Amino acid sequence: MEQTNVDVKGMVKAAYQALDGKKAEDIRIIDIQGVTVIADYFIIANGSNQNQLEAMKDAVDEALYRLGYQLKQLEGNRSSSWILMDYGDVIVHLFSKEDRLFYDLEKIWMDGKTVAIEEL
């Protein structure tokens, strides 16, 4: 199914709200449309422990499933400190604080535009 920008922005908003509802820390939205073809947006957030990361993952998956979106690829498990959720146009990265600092995706993707949720 081809998605329009309105749908993609709806996906981003739903994922953001799901993460916010699970008290995810430092939620960032990066618009990478002009940088790569792998996705339109990255959502990056971190949690304080494994249980919170799992709850964040479950909340995003449930919110996007309710909108009719299926998870295409999942990397990471209950013992992972980095979980990648690929929904095609939107990729969600969930980290422990330490791994987020180590991998520093914001720096790697600094050619993308950081977007506030209010801008969507």
N, C-alpha and C. Protein backbone atom coordinates (compact mmCIF):
# COMPACT_ATOMS: atom_id res chain seq x y z
N MET A 1 0.83 -1.17 0.00
CA MET A 1 0.00 0.00 0.00
C MET A 1 0.88 1.24 0.00
N GLU A 2 0.71 2.11 -0.97
CA GLU A 2 1.45 3.37 -1.05
C GLU A 2 0.84 4.35 -0.05
N GLN A 3 1.68 5.00 0.73
CA GLN A 3 1.18 5.91 1.74
C GLN A 3 1.44 7.35 1.30
N THR A 4 0.54 8.23 1.64
CA THR A 4 0.73 9.65 1.37
C THR A 4 1.43 10.28 2.56
N ASN A 5 1.90 11.51 2.38
CA ASN A 5 2.54 12.22 3.49
C ASN A 5 1.61 12.37 4.68
N VAL A 6 0.33 12.56 4.41
CA VAL A 6 -0.62 12.69 5.51
C VAL A 6 -0.62 11.41 6.35
N ASP A 7 -0.62 10.27 5.70
CA ASP A 7 -0.58 8.99 6.42
C ASP A 7 0.73 8.84 7.18
N VAL A 8 1.84 9.20 6.54
CA VAL A 8 3.14 9.06 7.19
C VAL A 8 3.22 9.96 8.41
N LYS A 9 2.74 11.17 8.27
CA LYS A 9 2.75 12.07 9.42
C LYS A 9 1.84 11.55 10.52
N GLY A 10 0.74 10.92 10.16
CA GLY A 10 -0.13 10.30 11.14
C GLY A 10 0.57 9.15 11.87
N MET A 11 1.36 8.39 11.12
CA MET A 11 2.14 7.31 11.73
C MET A 11 3.12 7.89 12.74
N VAL A 12 3.82 8.95 12.34
CA VAL A 12 4.81 9.58 13.22
C VAL A 12 4.13 10.09 14.49
N LYS A 13 3.01 10.77 14.33
CA LYS A 13 2.28 11.30 15.49
C LYS A 13 1.84 10.19 16.43
N ALA A 14 1.30 9.12 15.86
CA ALA A 14 0.82 8.00 16.69
C ALA A 14 1.97 7.34 17.44
N ALA A 15 3.09 7.14 16.76
CA ALA A 15 4.25 6.53 17.41
C ALA A 15 4.79 7.45 18.51
N TYR A 16 4.86 8.74 18.20
CA TYR A 16 5.34 9.71 19.19
C TYR A 16 4.44 9.68 20.43
N GLN A 17 3.14 9.74 20.23
CA GLN A 17 2.21 9.74 21.36
C GLN A 17 2.31 8.46 22.17
N ALA A 18 2.50 7.33 21.49
CA ALA A 18 2.65 6.05 22.19
C ALA A 18 3.91 6.07 23.06
N LEU A 19 5.00 6.60 22.51
CA LEU A 19 6.25 6.68 23.27
C LEU A 19 6.10 7.65 24.44
N ASP A 20 5.49 8.77 24.19
CA ASP A 20 5.28 9.76 25.24
C ASP A 20 4.43 9.17 26.36
N GLY A 21 3.44 8.36 26.00
CA GLY A 21 2.58 7.71 26.99
C GLY A 21 3.31 6.72 27.87
N LYS A 22 4.43 6.22 27.38
CA LYS A 22 5.25 5.28 28.17
C LYS A 22 6.46 5.98 28.78
N LYS A 23 6.39 7.31 28.81
CA LYS A 23 7.43 8.13 29.44
C LYS A 23 8.81 7.93 28.80
N ALA A 24 8.83 7.73 27.48
CA ALA A 24 10.10 7.66 26.76
C ALA A 24 10.84 8.98 26.95
N GLU A 25 12.15 8.89 26.96
CA GLU A 25 12.97 10.08 27.19
C GLU A 25 13.51 10.62 25.86
N ASP A 26 13.57 11.94 25.75
CA ASP A 26 14.21 12.64 24.64
C ASP A 26 13.76 12.10 23.28
N ILE A 27 12.46 12.15 23.02
CA ILE A 27 11.92 11.66 21.76
C ILE A 27 12.27 12.65 20.65
N ARG A 28 12.94 12.17 19.62
CA ARG A 28 13.33 13.02 18.50
C ARG A 28 12.73 12.47 17.21
N ILE A 29 12.27 13.38 16.40
CA ILE A 29 11.76 13.04 15.06
C ILE A 29 12.72 13.65 14.06
N ILE A 30 13.26 12.84 13.16
CA ILE A 30 14.17 13.35 12.15
C ILE A 30 13.58 13.06 10.77
N ASP A 31 13.37 14.12 10.01
CA ASP A 31 12.87 14.02 8.64
C ASP A 31 14.08 13.74 7.75
N ILE A 32 14.12 12.54 7.17
CA ILE A 32 15.26 12.14 6.34
C ILE A 32 14.87 11.98 4.87
N GLN A 33 13.73 12.57 4.49
CA GLN A 33 13.23 12.41 3.12
C GLN A 33 14.22 12.89 2.07
N GLY A 34 14.91 13.99 2.32
CA GLY A 34 15.85 14.52 1.35
C GLY A 34 17.23 13.92 1.44
N VAL A 35 17.42 12.99 2.37
CA VAL A 35 18.75 12.45 2.64
C VAL A 35 18.91 11.02 2.12
N THR A 36 17.86 10.22 2.23
CA THR A 36 17.93 8.81 1.87
C THR A 36 16.55 8.32 1.41
N VAL A 37 16.54 7.17 0.76
CA VAL A 37 15.28 6.58 0.32
C VAL A 37 14.82 5.47 1.26
N ILE A 38 15.58 5.17 2.32
CA ILE A 38 15.22 4.04 3.19
C ILE A 38 13.96 4.31 4.00
N ALA A 39 13.68 5.58 4.28
CA ALA A 39 12.49 5.95 5.06
C ALA A 39 12.29 7.44 4.94
N ASP A 40 11.13 7.91 5.41
CA ASP A 40 10.87 9.35 5.45
C ASP A 40 11.23 9.95 6.80
N TYR A 41 10.99 9.17 7.87
CA TYR A 41 11.24 9.68 9.21
C TYR A 41 11.90 8.62 10.08
N PHE A 42 12.80 9.08 10.95
CA PHE A 42 13.30 8.30 12.07
C PHE A 42 12.67 8.89 13.32
N ILE A 43 12.29 8.02 14.23
CA ILE A 43 11.90 8.45 15.56
C ILE A 43 12.89 7.78 16.51
N ILE A 44 13.54 8.57 17.33
CA ILE A 44 14.57 8.06 18.24
C ILE A 44 14.16 8.42 19.66
N ALA A 45 14.24 7.45 20.55
CA ALA A 45 13.91 7.70 21.95
C ALA A 45 14.71 6.75 22.82
N ASN A 46 14.82 7.08 24.09
CA ASN A 46 15.48 6.14 24.98
C ASN A 46 14.64 5.92 26.22
N GLY A 47 14.92 4.78 26.84
CA GLY A 47 14.24 4.39 28.06
C GLY A 47 15.27 4.11 29.13
N SER A 48 14.80 3.98 30.37
CA SER A 48 15.73 3.84 31.49
C SER A 48 16.08 2.38 31.82
N ASN A 49 15.29 1.43 31.29
CA ASN A 49 15.60 0.02 31.57
C ASN A 49 14.94 -0.88 30.52
N GLN A 50 15.25 -2.17 30.57
CA GLN A 50 14.75 -3.14 29.59
C GLN A 50 13.23 -3.20 29.57
N ASN A 51 12.62 -3.19 30.74
CA ASN A 51 11.16 -3.27 30.81
C ASN A 51 10.51 -2.06 30.15
N GLN A 52 11.07 -0.89 30.36
CA GLN A 52 10.51 0.30 29.73
C GLN A 52 10.68 0.24 28.22
N LEU A 53 11.85 -0.21 27.73
CA LEU A 53 12.06 -0.34 26.29
C LEU A 53 11.03 -1.29 25.68
N GLU A 54 10.78 -2.39 26.35
CA GLU A 54 9.78 -3.36 25.86
C GLU A 54 8.38 -2.74 25.85
N ALA A 55 8.04 -2.00 26.90
CA ALA A 55 6.74 -1.34 26.96
C ALA A 55 6.61 -0.29 25.85
N MET A 56 7.69 0.43 25.59
CA MET A 56 7.70 1.43 24.52
C MET A 56 7.48 0.75 23.17
N LYS A 57 8.17 -0.35 22.94
CA LYS A 57 8.02 -1.11 21.69
C LYS A 57 6.59 -1.58 21.51
N ASP A 58 6.04 -2.17 22.56
CA ASP A 58 4.67 -2.68 22.49
C ASP A 58 3.66 -1.56 22.24
N ALA A 59 3.86 -0.41 22.88
CA ALA A 59 2.94 0.72 22.72
C ALA A 59 2.96 1.24 21.29
N VAL A 60 4.15 1.37 20.69
CA VAL A 60 4.26 1.84 19.30
C VAL A 60 3.59 0.83 18.38
N ASP A 61 3.89 -0.44 18.58
CA ASP A 61 3.33 -1.47 17.70
C ASP A 61 1.80 -1.48 17.78
N GLU A 62 1.26 -1.37 18.97
CA GLU A 62 -0.19 -1.38 19.14
C GLU A 62 -0.82 -0.14 18.49
N ALA A 63 -0.22 1.03 18.70
CA ALA A 63 -0.77 2.27 18.14
C ALA A 63 -0.78 2.23 16.61
N LEU A 64 0.31 1.76 16.01
CA LEU A 64 0.38 1.73 14.55
C LEU A 64 -0.47 0.60 13.97
N TYR A 65 -0.57 -0.51 14.69
CA TYR A 65 -1.44 -1.60 14.26
C TYR A 65 -2.90 -1.14 14.20
N ARG A 66 -3.30 -0.35 15.20
CA ARG A 66 -4.68 0.18 15.22
C ARG A 66 -4.96 1.07 14.01
N LEU A 67 -3.91 1.70 13.48
CA LEU A 67 -4.06 2.53 12.29
C LEU A 67 -3.95 1.72 11.00
N GLY A 68 -3.69 0.43 11.15
CA GLY A 68 -3.62 -0.45 9.99
C GLY A 68 -2.23 -0.69 9.44
N TYR A 69 -1.20 -0.34 10.21
CA TYR A 69 0.18 -0.52 9.75
C TYR A 69 0.81 -1.74 10.41
N GLN A 70 1.46 -2.53 9.59
CA GLN A 70 2.12 -3.74 10.07
C GLN A 70 3.61 -3.49 10.20
N LEU A 71 4.21 -4.00 11.25
CA LEU A 71 5.65 -3.96 11.44
C LEU A 71 6.31 -4.81 10.36
N LYS A 72 7.21 -4.22 9.58
CA LYS A 72 7.88 -4.93 8.50
C LYS A 72 9.12 -5.69 8.99
N GLN A 73 9.83 -5.08 9.93
CA GLN A 73 11.08 -5.68 10.42
C GLN A 73 11.28 -5.24 11.86
N LEU A 74 11.70 -6.17 12.70
CA LEU A 74 12.01 -5.87 14.09
C LEU A 74 13.40 -6.41 14.39
N GLU A 75 14.25 -5.56 14.91
CA GLU A 75 15.58 -5.98 15.35
C GLU A 75 15.66 -5.70 16.84
N GLY A 76 16.15 -6.67 17.58
CA GLY A 76 16.26 -6.53 19.03
C GLY A 76 15.21 -7.39 19.72
N ASN A 77 15.47 -7.68 20.99
CA ASN A 77 14.56 -8.51 21.78
C ASN A 77 14.52 -8.01 23.22
N ARG A 78 13.95 -8.78 24.11
CA ARG A 78 13.78 -8.35 25.50
C ARG A 78 15.08 -7.98 26.19
N SER A 79 16.19 -8.56 25.75
CA SER A 79 17.47 -8.25 26.40
C SER A 79 18.30 -7.24 25.61
N SER A 80 17.72 -6.67 24.56
CA SER A 80 18.45 -5.71 23.73
C SER A 80 18.40 -4.32 24.34
N SER A 81 19.47 -3.56 24.09
CA SER A 81 19.49 -2.17 24.52
C SER A 81 19.30 -1.23 23.33
N TRP A 82 19.01 -1.82 22.16
CA TRP A 82 18.64 -1.05 20.97
C TRP A 82 17.60 -1.88 20.22
N ILE A 83 16.43 -1.33 20.05
CA ILE A 83 15.35 -1.99 19.32
C ILE A 83 15.04 -1.14 18.09
N LEU A 84 15.03 -1.76 16.93
CA LEU A 84 14.70 -1.07 15.69
C LEU A 84 13.38 -1.63 15.19
N MET A 85 12.45 -0.72 14.91
CA MET A 85 11.12 -1.09 14.41
C MET A 85 10.95 -0.43 13.05
N ASP A 86 10.86 -1.22 12.01
CA ASP A 86 10.77 -0.71 10.65
C ASP A 86 9.34 -0.82 10.14
N TYR A 87 8.73 0.33 9.91
CA TYR A 87 7.38 0.38 9.35
C TYR A 87 7.40 0.90 7.91
N GLY A 88 8.53 0.80 7.26
CA GLY A 88 8.65 1.27 5.89
C GLY A 88 9.02 2.73 5.85
N ASP A 89 8.04 3.62 5.83
CA ASP A 89 8.30 5.05 5.76
C ASP A 89 8.74 5.64 7.10
N VAL A 90 8.51 4.90 8.17
CA VAL A 90 8.88 5.35 9.51
C VAL A 90 9.69 4.25 10.18
N ILE A 91 10.85 4.63 10.71
CA ILE A 91 11.68 3.68 11.45
C ILE A 91 11.85 4.23 12.86
N VAL A 92 11.53 3.39 13.84
CA VAL A 92 11.60 3.78 15.25
C VAL A 92 12.82 3.10 15.87
N HIS A 93 13.66 3.90 16.51
CA HIS A 93 14.85 3.41 17.21
C HIS A 93 14.65 3.64 18.70
N LEU A 94 14.69 2.58 19.49
CA LEU A 94 14.55 2.67 20.94
C LEU A 94 15.86 2.20 21.57
N PHE A 95 16.42 3.02 22.43
CA PHE A 95 17.74 2.76 23.00
C PHE A 95 17.74 2.82 24.52
N SER A 96 18.76 2.17 25.10
CA SER A 96 19.15 2.52 26.46
C SER A 96 19.88 3.86 26.34
N LYS A 97 20.00 4.60 27.43
CA LYS A 97 20.70 5.89 27.39
C LYS A 97 22.13 5.71 26.89
N GLU A 98 22.80 4.68 27.38
CA GLU A 98 24.20 4.47 27.04
C GLU A 98 24.38 4.18 25.55
N ASP A 99 23.53 3.30 25.01
CA ASP A 99 23.64 2.96 23.59
C ASP A 99 23.27 4.14 22.70
N ARG A 100 22.31 4.93 23.14
CA ARG A 100 21.94 6.10 22.34
C ARG A 100 23.12 7.06 22.22
N LEU A 101 23.80 7.28 23.33
CA LEU A 101 24.98 8.14 23.30
C LEU A 101 26.09 7.52 22.45
N PHE A 102 26.27 6.22 22.56
CA PHE A 102 27.34 5.54 21.82
C PHE A 102 27.10 5.59 20.31
N TYR A 103 25.90 5.24 19.87
CA TYR A 103 25.61 5.17 18.43
C TYR A 103 25.32 6.54 17.82
N ASP A 104 24.82 7.46 18.61
CA ASP A 104 24.61 8.86 18.21
C ASP A 104 24.01 9.02 16.82
N LEU A 105 22.83 8.41 16.62
CA LEU A 105 22.17 8.50 15.32
C LEU A 105 21.85 9.94 14.91
N GLU A 106 21.58 10.79 15.89
CA GLU A 106 21.31 12.18 15.56
C GLU A 106 22.49 12.82 14.83
N LYS A 107 23.70 12.47 15.24
CA LYS A 107 24.89 13.01 14.57
C LYS A 107 25.07 12.38 13.19
N ILE A 108 24.88 11.08 13.12
CA ILE A 108 25.03 10.38 11.84
C ILE A 108 24.05 10.92 10.81
N TRP A 109 22.84 11.22 11.24
CA TRP A 109 21.78 11.68 10.34
C TRP A 109 21.56 13.18 10.46
N MET A 110 22.61 13.93 10.78
CA MET A 110 22.45 15.37 10.97
C MET A 110 22.07 16.12 9.69
N ASP A 111 22.18 15.47 8.53
CA ASP A 111 21.70 16.09 7.29
C ASP A 111 20.19 16.09 7.23
N GLY A 112 19.55 15.27 8.06
CA GLY A 112 18.10 15.28 8.16
C GLY A 112 17.67 16.48 8.99
N LYS A 113 16.37 16.76 8.99
CA LYS A 113 15.83 17.90 9.73
C LYS A 113 15.10 17.39 10.98
N THR A 114 15.53 17.86 12.13
CA THR A 114 14.82 17.54 13.36
C THR A 114 13.50 18.30 13.35
N VAL A 115 12.42 17.57 13.60
CA VAL A 115 11.07 18.14 13.50
C VAL A 115 10.39 18.03 14.86
N ALA A 116 9.74 19.10 15.28
CA ALA A 116 8.93 19.06 16.50
C ALA A 116 7.59 18.43 16.16
N ILE A 117 7.01 17.72 17.10
CA ILE A 117 5.73 17.06 16.87
C ILE A 117 4.66 18.07 16.44
N GLU A 118 4.76 19.29 16.92
CA GLU A 118 3.79 20.32 16.58
C GLU A 118 3.88 20.74 15.11
N GLU A 119 5.02 20.46 14.46
CA GLU A 119 5.22 20.84 13.06
C GLU A 119 4.57 19.85 12.08
N LEU A 120 4.16 18.69 12.58
CA LEU A 120 3.61 17.68 11.68
C LEU A 120 2.14 17.92 11.40
